[in-house]
Amino acid sequence: MPYDVGKVAAYRRLPAASWNRGDQMWSFRPTPAACHTVANMADMVCCDGVRDMAAQWEMSHTVEPFEYDTITEPWGHQNKAVWFTGNKYAAYFDMGMGTGKTKAAIDVIDHKGLKKVLILCPKSVISVWPKQFEEHGPRLCLPLTMSGGTKTKAKKCAEFVKDHPDESLAIVVNYESARTGDLATWIKEQEWDGVILDEAHRTKTHNSAISKFCFELSHKASFRLCLSGTPLPANPLDIFAQFRFLDAGIFGTSWSRFRDKYAETNPYFKSQIVGFRNEVDLKKKMAYLMHSCRSEDVLDLPDVIDTEIPVVLDSKTKKIYKDFHEHMIAEVNGEEVTALNALSKLLKLQQVTGGFCIDSDVTSHISTEKVDVLRDLLADMPETDKSVVFTRFKYDIRQIRARCGREVYELSGDKNELEEWKEAPEGAVLATQIQAGSMGISMVEAATCFFYSVGYSLGDYEQARARLHRPGQERNVNFYHLVAEASIDTTVYKALKSKKDVVESVLEELRNAN
């Protein structure tokens, strides 16, 4: 066959196309993008038989609703997410906050029978997954929250897999740990039935170490799934690295070609992007693997959604907390502790979970675990969304101002910047001392609220919730409770959720501690 410049150019444009010298023919991976392109090629470029085969493959991967077994009843939009994965080898769940994308992901891996699953996520989310598995799809789950180097973590993972050869497993690890040292080596040596990137937009930078690691990992996974409520946090080009993990055949592996096709650049400085183009084509290709679901568009979501966010304290903070806790147990068991004098004793425990301690009017900084979790959660929210953070202590507000990564306004006994926050640009945070912001005001400008630390008054807590969930609120409200594991935070949250007396609940637990 004579060399045809036009045909060769068309074949080269096929996603992941390659020339096979031995067979003297062009080949391509049968992804939705490639099959759609081939099915619509002109007669002069492609014969009818190849076009028909591509069209049939494309149609065979269009899935109708089907029944599947679940532990907990899914919402309608979660069903649609699971159906979307159907016969697919990869998918992207672009699902807004509160829509339950973790539950949908668990249903997918159970439905597909994926036995050995790796989940990469931000550090703040590691402890969420075991609770979700326990509720929605029981399987053995190893969350790598322990301290220690990557060698220790790699050994722990290897033992976990070896000890449970016939069971369904999930290993949950944060992005930074996964890509370094012995743990990265061990992960890349494994064959995974499924790999999930939670908050996948964290891998959006195409030349970052974690993005390159995820691309390498994609070749070791039979099924790949991305989860995020903000897949394009900065601009449309953010999708390149994420889709490179899912299927390099859709947008290719060359960043410069992708950029040149979908961006307008400064002719003298290619790295400077001045605009975008071919956005219809970009969205069309994204749709092959992306299922989108916005919170405001979901009709079966409840008006209010409560989510507990575990906070893992470091070893130093745990030791300080343990010392205070054991001292208080001794006091409770050695004398009569009333609800009135218990408050001051409980105060110190709660301060430690927030990373500080006040003794004789001197404030000592301990750690930043809780504020770091808040920062991660805010980073994964749409940049345009305002939010409210309720705290008990003024020190919490100072920490939030310093470390949360967004513009922060204050409502406390010292400052009232409520109106400034309402008029502020999109994305502003209102850090609110719970007693100052619990009554008589409206905060409906936000639909996302974080309880960073709370007092012991059920009334103040319910009034704080009513600042967002009230007449004038047009969206579903998400309440996130930051709870330090195995601490007073857990007891307080349980009591508030059950509408019990908080102080009595804590004292009862302390009395039963021995």
Protein backbone atom coordinates (compact mmCIF):
# COMPACT_ATOMS: atom_id res chain seq x y z
CA MET A 1 0.00 0.00 0.00
CA PRO A 2 1.49 3.37 -0.97
CA TYR A 3 2.37 5.78 1.81
CA ASP A 4 -0.53 8.19 2.37
CA VAL A 5 0.31 11.30 4.40
CA GLY A 6 -3.36 12.05 5.15
CA LYS A 7 -4.14 8.57 6.45
CA VAL A 8 -1.02 8.38 8.57
CA ALA A 9 -1.84 11.75 10.13
CA ALA A 10 -5.38 10.52 10.92
CA TYR A 11 -4.09 7.30 12.49
CA ARG A 12 -1.55 9.16 14.59
CA ARG A 13 -4.34 11.27 16.03
CA LEU A 14 -6.01 8.15 17.40
CA PRO A 15 -5.61 7.98 21.20
CA ALA A 16 -2.69 5.66 22.06
CA ALA A 17 -2.25 4.53 18.45
CA SER A 18 0.98 2.76 17.46
CA TRP A 19 2.55 1.33 14.30
CA ASN A 20 3.14 -2.41 14.42
CA ARG A 21 6.19 -3.07 12.21
CA GLY A 22 5.80 -6.85 12.23
CA ASP A 23 2.18 -6.84 11.00
CA GLN A 24 2.61 -3.63 9.02
CA MET A 25 -0.53 -2.11 10.49
CA TRP A 26 -1.73 0.55 12.90
CA SER A 27 -3.23 -0.63 16.21
CA PHE A 28 -4.99 1.13 19.04
CA ARG A 29 -6.42 0.28 22.43
CA PRO A 30 -10.23 -0.06 22.18
CA THR A 31 -11.11 2.76 24.54
CA PRO A 32 -14.39 4.67 24.14
CA ALA A 33 -12.50 7.66 22.76
CA ALA A 34 -10.59 5.66 20.17
CA CYS A 35 -13.60 3.60 19.08
CA HIS A 36 -15.76 6.70 18.71
CA THR A 37 -13.07 8.31 16.55
CA VAL A 38 -12.66 5.24 14.33
CA ALA A 39 -16.43 4.69 14.02
CA ASN A 40 -16.75 8.20 12.59
CA MET A 41 -13.75 8.20 10.25
CA ALA A 42 -14.27 8.99 6.59
CA ASP A 43 -14.32 6.20 3.97
CA MET A 44 -11.02 7.30 2.51
CA VAL A 45 -9.27 6.80 5.87
CA CYS A 46 -10.84 3.63 7.25
CA CYS A 47 -12.65 0.63 5.75
CA ASP A 48 -16.25 -0.26 6.68
CA GLY A 49 -15.28 -3.43 8.57
CA VAL A 50 -12.98 -1.66 11.03
CA ARG A 51 -15.49 1.16 11.51
CA ASP A 52 -18.28 -1.34 12.23
CA MET A 53 -16.16 -3.23 14.76
CA ALA A 54 -15.35 0.02 16.55
CA ALA A 55 -19.00 1.08 16.55
CA GLN A 56 -20.08 -2.28 17.98
CA TRP A 57 -17.48 -2.07 20.76
CA GLU A 58 -18.64 1.44 21.60
CA MET A 59 -22.28 0.32 21.78
CA SER A 60 -21.43 -2.73 23.89
CA HIS A 61 -20.01 -0.43 26.56
CA THR A 62 -23.18 1.64 26.85
CA VAL A 63 -24.76 0.10 29.94
CA GLU A 64 -28.40 0.00 30.97
CA PRO A 65 -29.51 -0.05 34.63
CA PHE A 66 -28.93 -3.36 36.41
CA GLU A 67 -29.54 -4.87 39.83
CA TYR A 68 -26.67 -5.34 42.27
CA ASP A 69 -26.35 -6.39 45.89
CA THR A 70 -25.68 -3.76 48.56
CA ILE A 71 -25.40 -3.73 52.34
CA THR A 72 -27.12 -0.36 52.69
CA GLU A 73 -29.80 1.07 50.43
CA PRO A 74 -28.28 3.50 47.87
CA TRP A 75 -29.79 6.79 46.87
CA GLY A 76 -31.00 7.07 43.29
CA HIS A 77 -28.01 9.12 42.13
CA GLN A 78 -25.62 6.58 43.68
CA ASN A 79 -27.34 3.85 41.65
CA LYS A 80 -26.69 5.87 38.51
CA ALA A 81 -23.00 6.18 39.40
CA VAL A 82 -22.69 2.41 39.84
CA TRP A 83 -24.60 1.75 36.60
CA PHE A 84 -22.29 4.16 34.79
CA THR A 85 -19.27 1.97 35.55
CA GLY A 86 -21.03 -1.06 33.99
CA ASN A 87 -18.47 -2.79 31.78
CA LYS A 88 -15.97 0.05 32.06
CA TYR A 89 -12.37 -0.50 33.06
CA ALA A 90 -12.13 3.01 34.55
CA ALA A 91 -14.42 5.82 35.70
CA TYR A 92 -14.40 9.26 37.30
CA PHE A 93 -17.09 10.14 39.85
CA ASP A 94 -17.41 13.93 39.77
CA MET A 95 -19.80 14.07 42.73
CA GLY A 96 -20.35 17.08 44.96
CA MET A 97 -19.96 17.22 48.72
CA GLY A 98 -22.55 15.18 50.57
CA THR A 99 -23.63 13.08 47.60
CA GLY A 100 -22.02 9.93 49.01
CA LYS A 101 -19.33 9.17 46.44
CA THR A 102 -17.48 6.91 48.90
CA LYS A 103 -20.56 4.71 49.32
CA ALA A 104 -20.93 4.57 45.51
CA ALA A 105 -17.26 3.59 45.15
CA ILE A 106 -17.66 0.78 47.70
CA ASP A 107 -20.71 -0.53 45.84
CA VAL A 108 -18.71 -0.51 42.60
CA ILE A 109 -15.78 -2.51 43.92
CA ASP A 110 -18.15 -5.00 45.58
CA HIS A 111 -20.27 -5.35 42.44
CA LYS A 112 -17.19 -5.88 40.27
CA GLY A 113 -15.75 -8.39 42.73
CA LEU A 114 -12.48 -6.51 43.18
CA LYS A 115 -10.66 -8.45 45.90
CA LYS A 116 -7.45 -6.47 46.30
CA VAL A 117 -7.96 -2.72 46.26
CA LEU A 118 -5.58 0.19 46.89
CA ILE A 119 -7.03 3.56 47.91
CA LEU A 120 -4.86 6.69 47.72
CA CYS A 121 -6.22 9.75 49.49
CA PRO A 122 -5.26 12.84 51.51
CA LYS A 123 -3.99 12.08 55.00
CA SER A 124 -7.12 13.58 56.55
CA VAL A 125 -9.38 11.05 54.81
CA ILE A 126 -7.54 7.81 55.66
CA SER A 127 -9.59 7.12 58.79
CA VAL A 128 -12.89 7.77 56.99
CA TRP A 129 -12.61 4.73 54.73
CA PRO A 130 -12.63 1.97 57.40
CA LYS A 131 -15.82 3.44 58.88
CA GLN A 132 -17.39 3.57 55.42
CA PHE A 133 -16.44 -0.06 54.69
CA GLU A 134 -17.83 -1.12 58.05
CA GLU A 135 -21.15 0.52 57.21
CA HIS A 136 -21.57 -0.11 53.49
CA GLY A 137 -19.47 -3.10 52.44
CA PRO A 138 -17.62 -5.07 55.06
CA ARG A 139 -14.15 -6.08 53.94
CA LEU A 140 -10.80 -6.17 55.70
CA CYS A 141 -9.35 -2.68 55.58
CA LEU A 142 -5.83 -1.56 56.51
CA PRO A 143 -5.62 2.22 57.02
CA LEU A 144 -1.96 3.27 57.13
CA THR A 145 -2.28 5.90 59.85
CA MET A 146 0.63 4.66 61.94
CA SER A 147 3.79 6.67 62.37
CA GLY A 148 7.08 5.32 61.07
CA GLY A 149 8.92 5.18 57.80
CA THR A 150 7.87 3.70 54.50
CA LYS A 151 9.81 0.51 55.27
CA THR A 152 7.60 -0.14 58.30
CA LYS A 153 4.47 0.57 56.29
CA ALA A 154 5.56 -1.65 53.42
CA LYS A 155 6.19 -4.51 55.85
CA LYS A 156 2.76 -3.96 57.43
CA CYS A 157 1.07 -4.10 54.01
CA ALA A 158 2.95 -7.24 52.94
CA GLU A 159 1.97 -9.02 56.16
CA PHE A 160 -1.64 -7.91 55.78
CA VAL A 161 -1.88 -9.33 52.25
CA LYS A 162 -0.02 -12.53 53.17
CA ASP A 163 -2.20 -13.21 56.22
CA HIS A 164 -5.47 -12.89 54.27
CA PRO A 165 -4.91 -14.59 50.89
CA ASP A 166 -8.56 -15.45 50.22
CA GLU A 167 -10.35 -12.38 51.60
CA SER A 168 -11.41 -9.08 50.08
CA LEU A 169 -8.90 -6.43 51.11
CA ALA A 170 -8.51 -2.67 50.96
CA ILE A 171 -5.32 -0.78 51.81
CA VAL A 172 -5.73 2.96 52.41
CA VAL A 173 -2.67 5.21 52.28
CA ASN A 174 -2.04 8.91 51.82
CA TYR A 175 -0.56 10.20 48.58
CA GLU A 176 2.79 11.32 49.98
CA SER A 177 3.56 8.05 51.77
CA ALA A 178 2.49 5.94 48.77
CA ARG A 179 4.96 7.49 46.34
CA THR A 180 8.11 7.26 48.44
CA GLY A 181 10.63 4.68 49.58
CA ASP A 182 9.95 1.03 50.25
CA LEU A 183 6.20 1.51 50.29
CA ALA A 184 6.19 2.86 46.72
CA THR A 185 8.32 -0.09 45.61
CA TRP A 186 5.99 -2.60 47.27
CA ILE A 187 2.86 -0.96 45.81
CA LYS A 188 4.28 -1.02 42.27
CA GLU A 189 5.26 -4.67 42.61
CA GLN A 190 1.65 -5.69 43.28
CA GLU A 191 -1.11 -6.55 40.84
CA TRP A 192 -4.21 -4.65 41.97
CA ASP A 193 -7.80 -5.52 41.11
CA GLY A 194 -8.66 -1.89 41.70
CA VAL A 195 -6.98 1.42 42.48
CA ILE A 196 -9.00 4.41 43.70
CA LEU A 197 -7.77 8.00 43.82
CA ASP A 198 -9.87 9.82 46.43
CA GLU A 199 -9.88 13.61 45.95
CA ALA A 200 -8.17 12.86 42.63
CA HIS A 201 -7.66 16.53 41.82
CA ARG A 202 -4.68 16.31 44.21
CA THR A 203 -2.88 14.64 41.27
CA LYS A 204 -3.72 17.34 38.71
CA THR A 205 -0.18 18.69 38.25
CA HIS A 206 1.08 16.65 35.29
CA ASN A 207 4.78 16.79 36.18
CA SER A 208 4.47 16.30 39.95
CA ALA A 209 5.93 13.22 41.61
CA ILE A 210 2.53 11.93 42.79
CA SER A 211 0.98 12.38 39.34
CA LYS A 212 3.82 10.42 37.69
CA PHE A 213 3.55 7.72 40.36
CA CYS A 214 -0.20 7.34 39.74
CA PHE A 215 0.43 6.99 36.00
CA GLU A 216 2.94 4.20 36.66
CA LEU A 217 0.45 2.57 39.01
CA SER A 218 -2.33 2.65 36.41
CA HIS A 219 -0.62 -0.18 34.50
CA LYS A 220 -0.90 -2.41 37.58
CA ALA A 221 -4.66 -2.03 38.10
CA SER A 222 -7.48 -3.88 36.35
CA PHE A 223 -9.98 -1.17 37.33
CA ARG A 224 -9.29 2.47 38.11
CA LEU A 225 -11.59 5.00 39.76
CA CYS A 226 -11.19 8.71 40.51
CA LEU A 227 -13.33 10.50 43.09
CA SER A 228 -13.63 14.26 43.44
CA GLY A 229 -16.16 17.03 43.81
CA THR A 230 -13.78 19.50 42.13
CA PRO A 231 -12.07 17.75 39.20
CA LEU A 232 -11.09 21.05 37.57
CA PRO A 233 -10.10 23.25 40.53
CA ALA A 234 -8.16 25.81 38.49
CA ASN A 235 -8.79 25.34 34.76
CA PRO A 236 -9.86 22.72 32.17
CA LEU A 237 -6.28 21.53 31.68
CA ASP A 238 -6.30 20.08 35.20
CA ILE A 239 -8.02 17.00 33.80
CA PHE A 240 -4.98 15.80 31.80
CA ALA A 241 -3.02 14.06 34.57
CA GLN A 242 -6.13 12.60 36.16
CA PHE A 243 -7.28 11.04 32.89
CA ARG A 244 -3.75 9.88 32.15
CA PHE A 245 -4.18 7.66 35.21
CA LEU A 246 -7.63 6.44 34.12
CA ASP A 247 -6.84 5.88 30.42
CA ALA A 248 -3.86 7.44 28.68
CA GLY A 249 -5.56 6.69 25.38
CA ILE A 250 -8.14 9.45 25.77
CA PHE A 251 -5.89 12.50 25.92
CA GLY A 252 -2.53 10.82 25.32
CA THR A 253 0.59 11.07 27.45
CA SER A 254 2.11 14.22 25.93
CA TRP A 255 1.34 17.30 28.00
CA SER A 256 2.60 19.68 25.30
CA ARG A 257 0.29 18.19 22.65
CA PHE A 258 -2.66 18.29 25.05
CA ARG A 259 -1.89 21.89 26.00
CA ASP A 260 -1.47 22.99 22.39
CA LYS A 261 -4.83 21.46 21.46
CA TYR A 262 -6.90 22.86 24.33
CA ALA A 263 -5.13 26.07 25.39
CA GLU A 264 -4.18 29.41 23.91
CA THR A 265 -0.61 30.20 24.94
CA ASN A 266 1.71 33.15 24.75
CA PRO A 267 3.66 32.59 21.48
CA TYR A 268 6.89 33.59 23.21
CA PHE A 269 6.29 31.71 26.50
CA LYS A 270 4.45 28.44 25.87
CA SER A 271 3.99 27.82 29.59
CA GLN A 272 1.89 30.98 29.91
CA ILE A 273 -1.75 30.10 29.20
CA VAL A 274 -3.91 33.01 28.10
CA GLY A 275 -7.12 31.19 27.16
CA PHE A 276 -8.77 27.91 26.22
CA ARG A 277 -10.14 26.37 23.03
CA ASN A 278 -11.80 23.18 21.79
CA GLU A 279 -13.66 22.97 25.10
CA VAL A 280 -16.61 21.13 23.54
CA ASP A 281 -14.27 18.40 22.34
CA LEU A 282 -12.59 18.28 25.75
CA LYS A 283 -15.91 17.83 27.58
CA LYS A 284 -17.07 15.24 25.06
CA LYS A 285 -13.98 13.09 25.69
CA MET A 286 -14.22 13.56 29.44
CA ALA A 287 -17.78 12.24 29.28
CA TYR A 288 -16.54 8.80 28.19
CA LEU A 289 -15.38 8.11 31.73
CA MET A 290 -16.87 10.88 33.88
CA HIS A 291 -20.15 10.68 35.76
CA SER A 292 -21.14 14.07 37.18
CA CYS A 293 -23.54 14.76 40.00
CA ARG A 294 -23.92 18.10 41.77
CA SER A 295 -25.40 18.28 45.26
CA GLU A 296 -27.94 20.92 44.27
CA ASP A 297 -29.25 18.76 41.42
CA VAL A 298 -29.91 15.64 43.51
CA LEU A 299 -33.55 15.42 44.52
CA ASP A 300 -33.30 12.51 46.96
CA LEU A 301 -30.63 14.01 49.23
CA PRO A 302 -31.80 14.86 52.75
CA ASP A 303 -31.91 18.53 53.72
CA VAL A 304 -29.14 17.99 56.25
CA ILE A 305 -26.19 15.59 56.01
CA ASP A 306 -23.94 14.90 59.01
CA THR A 307 -20.47 13.44 58.49
CA GLU A 308 -17.95 12.48 61.16
CA ILE A 309 -14.35 13.22 60.17
CA PRO A 310 -11.83 11.27 62.28
CA VAL A 311 -8.71 13.16 63.35
CA VAL A 312 -5.65 11.02 64.14
CA LEU A 313 -3.48 12.61 66.83
CA ASP A 314 0.29 12.19 66.65
CA SER A 315 2.21 10.23 69.29
CA LYS A 316 3.24 13.35 71.23
CA THR A 317 -0.34 14.61 71.50
CA LYS A 318 -1.64 11.16 72.40
CA LYS A 319 0.82 10.92 75.29
CA ILE A 320 -0.17 14.34 76.66
CA TYR A 321 -3.84 13.48 76.31
CA LYS A 322 -3.34 10.10 78.00
CA ASP A 323 -1.59 11.72 80.98
CA PHE A 324 -4.42 14.23 81.47
CA HIS A 325 -7.05 11.54 80.93
CA GLU A 326 -5.57 9.11 83.48
CA HIS A 327 -5.25 11.92 86.03
CA MET A 328 -8.88 12.82 85.56
CA ILE A 329 -10.02 9.19 85.90
CA ALA A 330 -8.22 9.05 89.23
CA GLU A 331 -9.93 12.23 90.38
CA VAL A 332 -13.38 11.00 89.31
CA ASN A 333 -12.91 7.68 91.10
CA GLY A 334 -11.35 9.25 94.20
CA GLU A 335 -13.81 12.02 94.95
CA GLU A 336 -17.29 13.20 94.19
CA VAL A 337 -17.16 15.13 90.93
CA THR A 338 -20.26 17.18 90.20
CA ALA A 339 -21.34 18.46 86.80
CA LEU A 340 -20.25 21.95 87.86
CA ASN A 341 -16.65 21.23 88.82
CA ALA A 342 -16.29 18.62 86.06
CA LEU A 343 -16.41 21.32 83.39
CA SER A 344 -12.97 22.69 84.20
CA LYS A 345 -11.54 19.17 84.25
CA LEU A 346 -13.04 18.31 80.87
CA LEU A 347 -11.86 21.59 79.39
CA LYS A 348 -8.19 20.59 79.34
CA LEU A 349 -8.91 17.29 77.57
CA GLN A 350 -10.78 19.13 74.84
CA GLN A 351 -8.01 21.70 74.47
CA VAL A 352 -5.43 18.96 73.88
CA THR A 353 -7.47 17.42 71.04
CA GLY A 354 -7.35 20.88 69.43
CA GLY A 355 -3.57 21.01 69.70
CA PHE A 356 -2.99 23.33 72.68
CA CYS A 357 -3.27 23.61 76.45
CA ILE A 358 -3.85 26.57 78.77
CA ASP A 359 -2.33 26.30 82.24
CA SER A 360 -2.11 29.26 84.66
CA ASP A 361 -3.04 31.61 81.80
CA VAL A 362 -0.08 30.34 79.73
CA THR A 363 -1.02 28.81 76.37
CA SER A 364 1.20 25.98 75.14
CA HIS A 365 1.07 24.88 71.52
CA ILE A 366 1.08 21.09 71.07
CA SER A 367 0.22 20.10 67.49
CA THR A 368 -1.76 20.95 64.35
CA GLU A 369 -3.54 17.68 63.44
CA LYS A 370 -7.07 19.04 63.66
CA VAL A 371 -6.45 22.30 61.80
CA ASP A 372 -4.52 20.38 59.13
CA VAL A 373 -7.56 18.14 58.58
CA LEU A 374 -9.74 21.25 58.27
CA ARG A 375 -7.30 22.72 55.74
CA ASP A 376 -7.48 19.53 53.65
CA LEU A 377 -11.28 19.55 53.71
CA LEU A 378 -11.42 23.20 52.64
CA ALA A 379 -8.89 22.53 49.88
CA ASP A 380 -11.20 19.88 48.46
CA MET A 381 -14.24 22.18 48.44
CA PRO A 382 -15.10 24.28 45.38
CA GLU A 383 -13.13 27.51 45.63
CA THR A 384 -16.35 29.50 45.23
CA ASP A 385 -18.16 28.00 48.24
CA LYS A 386 -18.30 29.89 51.52
CA SER A 387 -18.21 27.95 54.77
CA VAL A 388 -18.66 28.31 58.53
CA VAL A 389 -16.41 26.80 61.22
CA PHE A 390 -17.78 26.61 64.77
CA THR A 391 -15.21 26.45 67.56
CA ARG A 392 -15.25 26.65 71.33
CA PHE A 393 -11.91 28.36 71.90
CA LYS A 394 -10.41 31.61 70.64
CA TYR A 395 -7.11 29.79 70.17
CA ASP A 396 -8.87 27.59 67.59
CA ILE A 397 -9.80 30.70 65.62
CA ARG A 398 -6.19 31.90 65.62
CA GLN A 399 -5.06 28.50 64.36
CA ILE A 400 -7.69 28.52 61.62
CA ARG A 401 -6.71 32.03 60.50
CA ALA A 402 -3.06 31.03 60.30
CA ARG A 403 -3.33 27.65 58.60
CA CYS A 404 -6.61 27.01 56.78
CA GLY A 405 -5.53 28.42 53.41
CA ARG A 406 -8.58 30.63 52.82
CA GLU A 407 -9.67 34.15 53.70
CA VAL A 408 -11.02 33.98 57.26
CA TYR A 409 -13.46 36.28 59.06
CA GLU A 410 -14.19 36.09 62.77
CA LEU A 411 -17.32 36.08 64.89
CA SER A 412 -16.39 35.84 68.57
CA GLY A 413 -16.51 37.67 71.85
CA ASP A 414 -13.73 39.90 70.51
CA LYS A 415 -14.79 40.52 66.91
CA ASN A 416 -17.93 40.61 64.81
CA GLU A 417 -17.06 40.34 61.11
CA LEU A 418 -20.31 38.62 60.12
CA GLU A 419 -21.42 41.30 57.65
CA GLU A 420 -17.92 41.52 56.14
CA TRP A 421 -18.01 37.73 55.59
CA LYS A 422 -21.43 37.95 53.93
CA GLU A 423 -20.15 40.62 51.54
CA ALA A 424 -16.74 38.96 51.06
CA PRO A 425 -15.60 37.29 47.84
CA GLU A 426 -16.53 33.69 47.20
CA GLY A 427 -14.79 31.03 49.25
CA ALA A 428 -14.49 33.00 52.52
CA VAL A 429 -14.57 31.19 55.87
CA LEU A 430 -16.40 32.46 58.96
CA ALA A 431 -14.62 31.17 62.10
CA THR A 432 -17.26 31.42 64.80
CA GLN A 433 -17.05 30.96 68.55
CA ILE A 434 -20.07 28.75 69.12
CA GLN A 435 -21.68 30.85 71.87
CA ALA A 436 -21.23 34.06 69.87
CA GLY A 437 -22.80 32.64 66.72
CA SER A 438 -25.41 30.26 68.01
CA MET A 439 -28.46 32.50 68.30
CA GLY A 440 -30.42 35.07 66.36
CA ILE A 441 -28.35 35.36 63.18
CA SER A 442 -28.44 33.89 59.68
CA MET A 443 -25.54 32.23 57.86
CA VAL A 444 -27.42 30.88 54.83
CA GLU A 445 -24.71 32.25 52.54
CA ALA A 446 -22.93 28.99 53.35
CA ALA A 447 -24.18 25.41 53.00
CA THR A 448 -21.07 23.77 54.48
CA CYS A 449 -20.33 23.87 58.20
CA PHE A 450 -17.50 22.39 60.27
CA PHE A 451 -17.79 21.73 63.99
CA TYR A 452 -14.14 22.09 64.97
CA SER A 453 -14.77 22.03 68.71
CA VAL A 454 -18.02 22.38 70.62
CA GLY A 455 -19.18 23.28 74.10
CA TYR A 456 -21.26 21.06 76.35
CA SER A 457 -24.57 22.79 75.74
CA LEU A 458 -26.98 20.86 73.52
CA GLY A 459 -28.95 24.09 73.10
CA ASP A 460 -25.94 26.02 71.76
CA TYR A 461 -25.14 23.17 69.38
CA GLU A 462 -28.66 22.98 67.95
CA GLN A 463 -28.85 26.78 67.66
CA ALA A 464 -25.54 26.78 65.76
CA ARG A 465 -26.94 24.24 63.27
CA ALA A 466 -30.01 26.42 62.85
CA ARG A 467 -27.85 29.34 61.66
CA LEU A 468 -27.40 27.52 58.33
CA HIS A 469 -30.39 25.17 58.17
CA ARG A 470 -33.16 27.77 58.34
CA PRO A 471 -35.64 29.63 56.11
CA GLY A 472 -33.72 31.24 53.26
CA GLN A 473 -31.36 28.30 52.81
CA GLU A 474 -31.78 27.02 49.26
CA ARG A 475 -29.24 24.17 49.36
CA ASN A 476 -28.68 20.94 51.23
CA VAL A 477 -26.54 21.64 54.30
CA ASN A 478 -23.46 19.54 55.09
CA PHE A 479 -22.29 19.43 58.71
CA TYR A 480 -18.80 17.98 59.24
CA HIS A 481 -17.74 17.02 62.78
CA LEU A 482 -13.96 16.91 63.36
CA VAL A 483 -13.52 14.24 66.01
CA ALA A 484 -10.16 13.23 67.49
CA GLU A 485 -10.16 9.44 67.67
CA ALA A 486 -10.39 7.72 71.08
CA SER A 487 -10.88 11.03 72.86
CA ILE A 488 -13.43 13.19 74.60
CA ASP A 489 -14.44 14.48 71.15
CA THR A 490 -16.00 11.09 70.39
CA THR A 491 -18.01 11.05 73.62
CA VAL A 492 -19.21 14.63 73.18
CA TYR A 493 -20.27 14.05 69.57
CA LYS A 494 -22.18 10.88 70.49
CA ALA A 495 -23.98 12.70 73.29
CA LEU A 496 -24.94 15.65 71.09
CA LYS A 497 -26.12 13.34 68.31
CA SER A 498 -28.27 11.41 70.80
CA LYS A 499 -29.46 14.63 72.47
CA LYS A 500 -28.06 13.51 75.84
CA ASP A 501 -26.51 15.58 78.61
CA VAL A 502 -22.91 15.96 77.52
CA VAL A 503 -21.21 16.36 80.90
CA GLU A 504 -23.02 13.40 82.43
CA SER A 505 -22.17 11.26 79.39
CA VAL A 506 -18.47 12.09 79.73
CA LEU A 507 -18.43 11.48 83.48
CA GLU A 508 -20.20 8.16 83.05
CA GLU A 509 -17.56 7.06 80.55
CA LEU A 510 -14.76 8.12 82.89
CA ARG A 511 -16.31 6.24 85.82
CA ASN A 512 -16.47 3.11 83.65
CA ALA A 513 -12.91 3.50 82.40
CA ASN A 514 -11.41 1.28 85.10
